[in-house]
Amino acid sequence: MSLLLIGLAPAVSADSLSVCYNYDCLAEAEVNYGAEQLTRVRDLLGVARNAAEERERLSLAIGWLLGWAGEQTPISADRGGNFADDGVFGRMDCIDHSTTTTRLLRLLESHRWLSFHRVLEPVRRVLYLFEVHYSAQIEEIESLTTASALAAAPARYVVDSWFRDNGRPAVVMALPSWLDGQGWEESGVSVVAGGLGDGSPIEH
């Protein structure tokens, strides 16, 4: 039985990292996450039964962590894409997002809260020869083992927070689909309390 289920999971300590903003990581600010916040993230991820569930929960967890970061830094002003927040202090481009989200994923990985994925370096796509975009990415651990046996490419996914307003769940999708140009910008959606799997953020 999982330690989480029987209430014997070790206590979670506070942690911190730097977030990027104002494009190209021009500015950075330290963010401190409290033990209570990180315990919520651990508990959210800890009950995932498979890789697909972990990705769904990662989407929410990244939204929470960026939302909490927005309570301490100017990134609360960030909106999905690059146009809804054009010129706003605290805005984030895809370099800010891919760098910051990778740091957040590394934080989760360092706490051993990812059971089905490992964190990779940010990935780049180029559309129409000039449209360059970056995202954080993860690799499914089980598929990595299977792929090695079959000499096939392991399953990789992007965790792209750039598409959504600050505090909203990140877009998580298969890397090949993202490389083909999929992904949609959402901005101006009110952040309200929601639930897992309903497309709404959970209150942060």
C-alpha atoms as a PDB file:
ATOM      1  CA  MET A   1       0.000   0.000   0.000  1.00  0.00           C
ATOM      2  CA  SER A   2       1.263   3.461  -0.833  1.00  0.00           C
ATOM      3  CA  LEU A   3       2.769   5.433   2.033  1.00  0.00           C
ATOM      4  CA  LEU A   4       0.554   8.328   0.957  1.00  0.00           C
ATOM      5  CA  LEU A   5      -2.549   6.216   1.461  1.00  0.00           C
ATOM      6  CA  ILE A   6      -1.666   5.189   4.999  1.00  0.00           C
ATOM      7  CA  GLY A   7      -0.462   8.627   6.044  1.00  0.00           C
ATOM      8  CA  LEU A   8       3.190   7.682   6.543  1.00  0.00           C
ATOM      9  CA  ALA A   9       4.713   9.807   3.807  1.00  0.00           C
ATOM     10  CA  PRO A  10       7.654  11.871   5.069  1.00  0.00           C
ATOM     11  CA  ALA A  11       7.096  15.515   5.874  1.00  0.00           C
ATOM     12  CA  VAL A  12       7.648  17.979   3.035  1.00  0.00           C
ATOM     13  CA  SER A  13      10.040  20.888   3.487  1.00  0.00           C
ATOM     14  CA  ALA A  14       9.779  24.320   1.910  1.00  0.00           C
ATOM     15  CA  ASP A  15      11.722  24.859  -1.312  1.00  0.00           C
ATOM     16  CA  SER A  16      12.569  27.689  -3.707  1.00  0.00           C
ATOM     17  CA  LEU A  17      13.660  28.463  -7.257  1.00  0.00           C
ATOM     18  CA  SER A  18      13.985  31.368  -9.677  1.00  0.00           C
ATOM     19  CA  VAL A  19      11.357  32.219 -12.290  1.00  0.00           C
ATOM     20  CA  CYS A  20      12.070  34.092 -15.524  1.00  0.00           C
ATOM     21  CA  TYR A  21      10.042  36.944 -16.997  1.00  0.00           C
ATOM     22  CA  ASN A  22      10.097  40.004 -19.280  1.00  0.00           C
ATOM     23  CA  TYR A  23      11.228  37.856 -22.241  1.00  0.00           C
ATOM     24  CA  ASP A  24      14.449  35.936 -22.854  1.00  0.00           C
ATOM     25  CA  CYS A  25      14.879  35.472 -19.094  1.00  0.00           C
ATOM     26  CA  LEU A  26      15.798  39.161 -18.940  1.00  0.00           C
ATOM     27  CA  ALA A  27      14.582  39.303 -15.340  1.00  0.00           C
ATOM     28  CA  GLU A  28      14.488  36.627 -12.656  1.00  0.00           C
ATOM     29  CA  ALA A  29      12.931  36.495  -9.213  1.00  0.00           C
ATOM     30  CA  GLU A  30      13.200  34.044  -6.346  1.00  0.00           C
ATOM     31  CA  VAL A  31      10.024  32.192  -5.389  1.00  0.00           C
ATOM     32  CA  ASN A  32       9.538  30.373  -2.104  1.00  0.00           C
ATOM     33  CA  TYR A  33       7.113  27.461  -1.883  1.00  0.00           C
ATOM     34  CA  GLY A  34       5.824  26.596   1.567  1.00  0.00           C
ATOM     35  CA  ALA A  35       5.609  23.080   2.957  1.00  0.00           C
ATOM     36  CA  GLU A  36       1.793  23.166   2.811  1.00  0.00           C
ATOM     37  CA  GLN A  37       1.812  24.123  -0.875  1.00  0.00           C
ATOM     38  CA  LEU A  38       4.327  21.447  -1.791  1.00  0.00           C
ATOM     39  CA  THR A  39       2.425  18.852   0.227  1.00  0.00           C
ATOM     40  CA  ARG A  40      -0.632  19.576  -1.939  1.00  0.00           C
ATOM     41  CA  VAL A  41       1.465  19.045  -5.055  1.00  0.00           C
ATOM     42  CA  ARG A  42       2.943  15.811  -3.694  1.00  0.00           C
ATOM     43  CA  ASP A  43      -0.495  14.490  -2.811  1.00  0.00           C
ATOM     44  CA  LEU A  44      -1.864  15.454  -6.230  1.00  0.00           C
ATOM     45  CA  LEU A  45       0.875  13.574  -8.076  1.00  0.00           C
ATOM     46  CA  GLY A  46       1.203  10.741  -5.582  1.00  0.00           C
ATOM     47  CA  VAL A  47      -2.079   9.031  -6.445  1.00  0.00           C
ATOM     48  CA  ALA A  48      -1.462   8.841 -10.208  1.00  0.00           C
ATOM     49  CA  ARG A  49      -1.838   5.180 -11.228  1.00  0.00           C
ATOM     50  CA  ASN A  50      -0.161   5.409 -14.611  1.00  0.00           C
ATOM     51  CA  ALA A  51       1.745   7.758 -16.922  1.00  0.00           C
ATOM     52  CA  ALA A  52      -1.390   9.255 -18.489  1.00  0.00           C
ATOM     53  CA  GLU A  53      -2.799  10.180 -15.076  1.00  0.00           C
ATOM     54  CA  GLU A  54       0.536  11.635 -14.017  1.00  0.00           C
ATOM     55  CA  ARG A  55       0.586  13.886 -17.091  1.00  0.00           C
ATOM     56  CA  GLU A  56      -2.932  15.100 -16.362  1.00  0.00           C
ATOM     57  CA  ARG A  57      -1.957  15.891 -12.799  1.00  0.00           C
ATOM     58  CA  LEU A  58       1.292  17.520 -13.890  1.00  0.00           C
ATOM     59  CA  SER A  59      -0.744  19.947 -15.975  1.00  0.00           C
ATOM     60  CA  LEU A  60      -2.541  21.073 -12.832  1.00  0.00           C
ATOM     61  CA  ALA A  61       0.565  21.038 -10.642  1.00  0.00           C
ATOM     62  CA  ILE A  62       2.479  23.361 -12.979  1.00  0.00           C
ATOM     63  CA  GLY A  63      -0.513  25.704 -13.044  1.00  0.00           C
ATOM     64  CA  TRP A  64      -0.602  25.763  -9.241  1.00  0.00           C
ATOM     65  CA  LEU A  65       3.132  26.395  -8.942  1.00  0.00           C
ATOM     66  CA  LEU A  66       3.111  29.230 -11.471  1.00  0.00           C
ATOM     67  CA  GLY A  67       0.030  30.696  -9.802  1.00  0.00           C
ATOM     68  CA  TRP A  68       1.710  30.669  -6.411  1.00  0.00           C
ATOM     69  CA  ALA A  69       4.805  32.198  -8.024  1.00  0.00           C
ATOM     70  CA  GLY A  70       2.547  34.958  -9.346  1.00  0.00           C
ATOM     71  CA  GLU A  71       1.591  35.829  -5.769  1.00  0.00           C
ATOM     72  CA  GLN A  72       5.240  36.679  -5.088  1.00  0.00           C
ATOM     73  CA  THR A  73       6.445  38.046  -8.440  1.00  0.00           C
ATOM     74  CA  PRO A  74       5.195  40.114 -11.407  1.00  0.00           C
ATOM     75  CA  ILE A  75       4.388  36.980 -13.472  1.00  0.00           C
ATOM     76  CA  SER A  76       0.798  37.173 -12.237  1.00  0.00           C
ATOM     77  CA  ALA A  77       0.371  39.597 -15.163  1.00  0.00           C
ATOM     78  CA  ASP A  78       1.367  36.925 -17.704  1.00  0.00           C
ATOM     79  CA  ARG A  79      -1.290  35.888 -20.222  1.00  0.00           C
ATOM     80  CA  GLY A  80      -1.413  33.082 -22.739  1.00  0.00           C
ATOM     81  CA  GLY A  81       0.668  33.700 -25.866  1.00  0.00           C
ATOM     82  CA  ASN A  82       2.597  36.902 -26.541  1.00  0.00           C
ATOM     83  CA  PHE A  83      -0.138  39.363 -27.530  1.00  0.00           C
ATOM     84  CA  ALA A  84      -2.655  39.620 -24.658  1.00  0.00           C
ATOM     85  CA  ASP A  85       0.083  40.893 -22.328  1.00  0.00           C
ATOM     86  CA  ASP A  86       2.226  42.776 -24.848  1.00  0.00           C
ATOM     87  CA  GLY A  87       4.375  45.367 -23.077  1.00  0.00           C
ATOM     88  CA  VAL A  88       3.191  44.360 -19.604  1.00  0.00           C
ATOM     89  CA  PHE A  89       5.753  44.090 -16.824  1.00  0.00           C
ATOM     90  CA  GLY A  90       5.917  40.459 -15.759  1.00  0.00           C
ATOM     91  CA  ARG A  91       4.984  39.006 -19.161  1.00  0.00           C
ATOM     92  CA  MET A  92       6.631  35.723 -20.160  1.00  0.00           C
ATOM     93  CA  ASP A  93       7.653  34.496 -23.603  1.00  0.00           C
ATOM     94  CA  CYS A  94       8.293  30.857 -24.487  1.00  0.00           C
ATOM     95  CA  ILE A  95      11.919  31.100 -23.325  1.00  0.00           C
ATOM     96  CA  ASP A  96      10.784  32.329 -19.907  1.00  0.00           C
ATOM     97  CA  HIS A  97       8.153  29.593 -19.740  1.00  0.00           C
ATOM     98  CA  SER A  98      10.274  26.705 -20.979  1.00  0.00           C
ATOM     99  CA  THR A  99      13.096  27.651 -18.598  1.00  0.00           C
ATOM    100  CA  THR A 100      10.834  28.179 -15.590  1.00  0.00           C
ATOM    101  CA  THR A 101       8.656  25.127 -16.210  1.00  0.00           C
ATOM    102  CA  THR A 102      11.752  22.946 -16.620  1.00  0.00           C
ATOM    103  CA  ARG A 103      12.971  24.240 -13.253  1.00  0.00           C
ATOM    104  CA  LEU A 104       9.595  23.398 -11.718  1.00  0.00           C
ATOM    105  CA  LEU A 105       9.680  19.907 -13.205  1.00  0.00           C
ATOM    106  CA  ARG A 106      13.226  19.431 -11.905  1.00  0.00           C
ATOM    107  CA  LEU A 107      12.007  20.461  -8.452  1.00  0.00           C
ATOM    108  CA  LEU A 108       9.294  17.799  -8.587  1.00  0.00           C
ATOM    109  CA  GLU A 109      11.811  15.260  -9.868  1.00  0.00           C
ATOM    110  CA  SER A 110      14.278  16.120  -7.092  1.00  0.00           C
ATOM    111  CA  HIS A 111      11.573  15.317  -4.527  1.00  0.00           C
ATOM    112  CA  ARG A 112      10.922  11.996  -6.323  1.00  0.00           C
ATOM    113  CA  TRP A 113       7.305  12.887  -7.003  1.00  0.00           C
ATOM    114  CA  LEU A 114       7.437  11.809 -10.644  1.00  0.00           C
ATOM    115  CA  SER A 115       6.879   8.067 -10.856  1.00  0.00           C
ATOM    116  CA  PHE A 116       6.332   7.643 -14.590  1.00  0.00           C
ATOM    117  CA  HIS A 117       8.412  10.365 -16.266  1.00  0.00           C
ATOM    118  CA  ARG A 118      11.849  11.920 -16.326  1.00  0.00           C
ATOM    119  CA  VAL A 119      12.597  15.553 -17.129  1.00  0.00           C
ATOM    120  CA  LEU A 120      14.518  16.477 -20.279  1.00  0.00           C
ATOM    121  CA  GLU A 121      16.022  19.728 -21.515  1.00  0.00           C
ATOM    122  CA  PRO A 122      13.657  22.179 -23.273  1.00  0.00           C
ATOM    123  CA  VAL A 123      12.749  21.367 -26.868  1.00  0.00           C
ATOM    124  CA  ARG A 124      12.463  23.702 -29.873  1.00  0.00           C
ATOM    125  CA  ARG A 125      10.148  23.677 -32.871  1.00  0.00           C
ATOM    126  CA  VAL A 126      10.361  25.808 -36.017  1.00  0.00           C
ATOM    127  CA  LEU A 127       7.266  26.411 -38.170  1.00  0.00           C
ATOM    128  CA  TYR A 128       7.226  28.213 -41.527  1.00  0.00           C
ATOM    129  CA  LEU A 129      11.019  28.668 -41.329  1.00  0.00           C
ATOM    130  CA  PHE A 130      10.827  31.582 -38.880  1.00  0.00           C
ATOM    131  CA  GLU A 131       8.297  30.797 -36.128  1.00  0.00           C
ATOM    132  CA  VAL A 132      10.447  29.427 -33.297  1.00  0.00           C
ATOM    133  CA  HIS A 133       8.906  28.129 -30.092  1.00  0.00           C
ATOM    134  CA  TYR A 134      10.326  26.397 -26.995  1.00  0.00           C
ATOM    135  CA  SER A 135       8.755  24.174 -24.359  1.00  0.00           C
ATOM    136  CA  ALA A 136       9.685  22.061 -21.370  1.00  0.00           C
ATOM    137  CA  GLN A 137       9.526  18.336 -22.055  1.00  0.00           C
ATOM    138  CA  ILE A 138       9.311  15.009 -20.255  1.00  0.00           C
ATOM    139  CA  GLU A 139       9.871  11.404 -21.257  1.00  0.00           C
ATOM    140  CA  GLU A 140       7.795   8.432 -20.193  1.00  0.00           C
ATOM    141  CA  ILE A 141       9.987   6.035 -18.210  1.00  0.00           C
ATOM    142  CA  GLU A 142       8.116   2.833 -19.065  1.00  0.00           C
ATOM    143  CA  SER A 143       8.124   3.647 -22.770  1.00  0.00           C
ATOM    144  CA  LEU A 144      11.857   4.358 -22.542  1.00  0.00           C
ATOM    145  CA  THR A 145      12.463   0.769 -21.429  1.00  0.00           C
ATOM    146  CA  THR A 146      10.135  -0.629 -24.085  1.00  0.00           C
ATOM    147  CA  ALA A 147      11.663   1.542 -26.773  1.00  0.00           C
ATOM    148  CA  SER A 148      15.155   0.331 -25.901  1.00  0.00           C
ATOM    149  CA  ALA A 149      14.038  -3.268 -26.341  1.00  0.00           C
ATOM    150  CA  LEU A 150      12.337  -2.496 -29.648  1.00  0.00           C
ATOM    151  CA  ALA A 151      14.883   0.083 -30.887  1.00  0.00           C
ATOM    152  CA  ALA A 152      12.040   2.601 -31.126  1.00  0.00           C
ATOM    153  CA  ALA A 153      11.832   6.216 -29.996  1.00  0.00           C
ATOM    154  CA  PRO A 154      10.557   6.641 -26.398  1.00  0.00           C
ATOM    155  CA  ALA A 155       7.350   8.585 -25.806  1.00  0.00           C
ATOM    156  CA  ARG A 156       8.029  12.248 -25.116  1.00  0.00           C
ATOM    157  CA  TYR A 157       5.616  15.019 -24.168  1.00  0.00           C
ATOM    158  CA  VAL A 158       5.784  18.774 -23.874  1.00  0.00           C
ATOM    159  CA  VAL A 159       4.637  20.638 -20.782  1.00  0.00           C
ATOM    160  CA  ASP A 160       3.881  24.012 -22.325  1.00  0.00           C
ATOM    161  CA  SER A 161       2.681  26.694 -19.922  1.00  0.00           C
ATOM    162  CA  TRP A 162       3.120  29.507 -22.474  1.00  0.00           C
ATOM    163  CA  PHE A 163      -0.300  28.865 -24.021  1.00  0.00           C
ATOM    164  CA  ARG A 164      -2.255  29.692 -20.850  1.00  0.00           C
ATOM    165  CA  ASP A 165      -2.742  32.597 -18.463  1.00  0.00           C
ATOM    166  CA  ASN A 166      -0.791  32.513 -15.213  1.00  0.00           C
ATOM    167  CA  GLY A 167      -2.199  29.897 -12.855  1.00  0.00           C
ATOM    168  CA  ARG A 168      -4.006  27.911 -15.537  1.00  0.00           C
ATOM    169  CA  PRO A 169      -3.138  24.233 -16.146  1.00  0.00           C
ATOM    170  CA  ALA A 170      -0.256  23.802 -18.570  1.00  0.00           C
ATOM    171  CA  VAL A 171      -0.787  22.212 -21.975  1.00  0.00           C
ATOM    172  CA  VAL A 172       0.619  18.677 -21.961  1.00  0.00           C
ATOM    173  CA  MET A 173       0.689  16.892 -25.314  1.00  0.00           C
ATOM    174  CA  ALA A 174       2.672  14.360 -27.293  1.00  0.00           C
ATOM    175  CA  LEU A 175       5.870  15.817 -28.690  1.00  0.00           C
ATOM    176  CA  PRO A 176       5.137  14.845 -32.349  1.00  0.00           C
ATOM    177  CA  SER A 177       1.789  16.687 -32.230  1.00  0.00           C
ATOM    178  CA  TRP A 178       3.442  19.767 -30.757  1.00  0.00           C
ATOM    179  CA  LEU A 179       6.206  19.678 -33.358  1.00  0.00           C
ATOM    180  CA  ASP A 180       3.489  19.633 -36.037  1.00  0.00           C
ATOM    181  CA  GLY A 181       2.206  22.958 -34.716  1.00  0.00           C
ATOM    182  CA  GLN A 182      -0.572  21.873 -32.398  1.00  0.00           C
ATOM    183  CA  GLY A 183      -1.347  23.876 -29.278  1.00  0.00           C
ATOM    184  CA  TRP A 184      -3.752  26.695 -28.685  1.00  0.00           C
ATOM    185  CA  GLU A 185      -3.508  30.000 -26.878  1.00  0.00           C
ATOM    186  CA  GLU A 186      -6.074  30.751 -24.189  1.00  0.00           C
ATOM    187  CA  SER A 187      -6.263  34.107 -22.482  1.00  0.00           C
ATOM    188  CA  GLY A 188      -8.800  36.100 -20.555  1.00  0.00           C
ATOM    189  CA  VAL A 189     -10.328  33.083 -18.815  1.00  0.00           C
ATOM    190  CA  SER A 190     -11.161  33.729 -15.179  1.00  0.00           C
ATOM    191  CA  VAL A 191      -9.229  31.621 -12.687  1.00  0.00           C
ATOM    192  CA  VAL A 192     -11.844  29.834 -10.637  1.00  0.00           C
ATOM    193  CA  ALA A 193     -11.979  26.791  -8.409  1.00  0.00           C
ATOM    194  CA  GLY A 194     -12.352  23.636 -10.427  1.00  0.00           C
ATOM    195  CA  GLY A 195     -11.610  19.947 -10.320  1.00  0.00           C
ATOM    196  CA  LEU A 196      -9.323  17.384 -11.833  1.00  0.00           C
ATOM    197  CA  GLY A 197     -10.135  16.597 -15.434  1.00  0.00           C
ATOM    198  CA  ASP A 198     -12.790  19.280 -16.011  1.00  0.00           C
ATOM    199  CA  GLY A 199     -10.485  21.662 -17.836  1.00  0.00           C
ATOM    200  CA  SER A 200     -10.610  24.245 -15.057  1.00  0.00           C
ATOM    201  CA  PRO A 201      -7.762  25.181 -12.742  1.00  0.00           C
ATOM    202  CA  ILE A 202      -7.955  24.212  -9.117  1.00  0.00           C
ATOM    203  CA  GLU A 203      -7.990  27.187  -6.793  1.00  0.00           C
ATOM    204  CA  HIS A 204      -4.500  28.285  -5.863  1.00  0.00           C
END
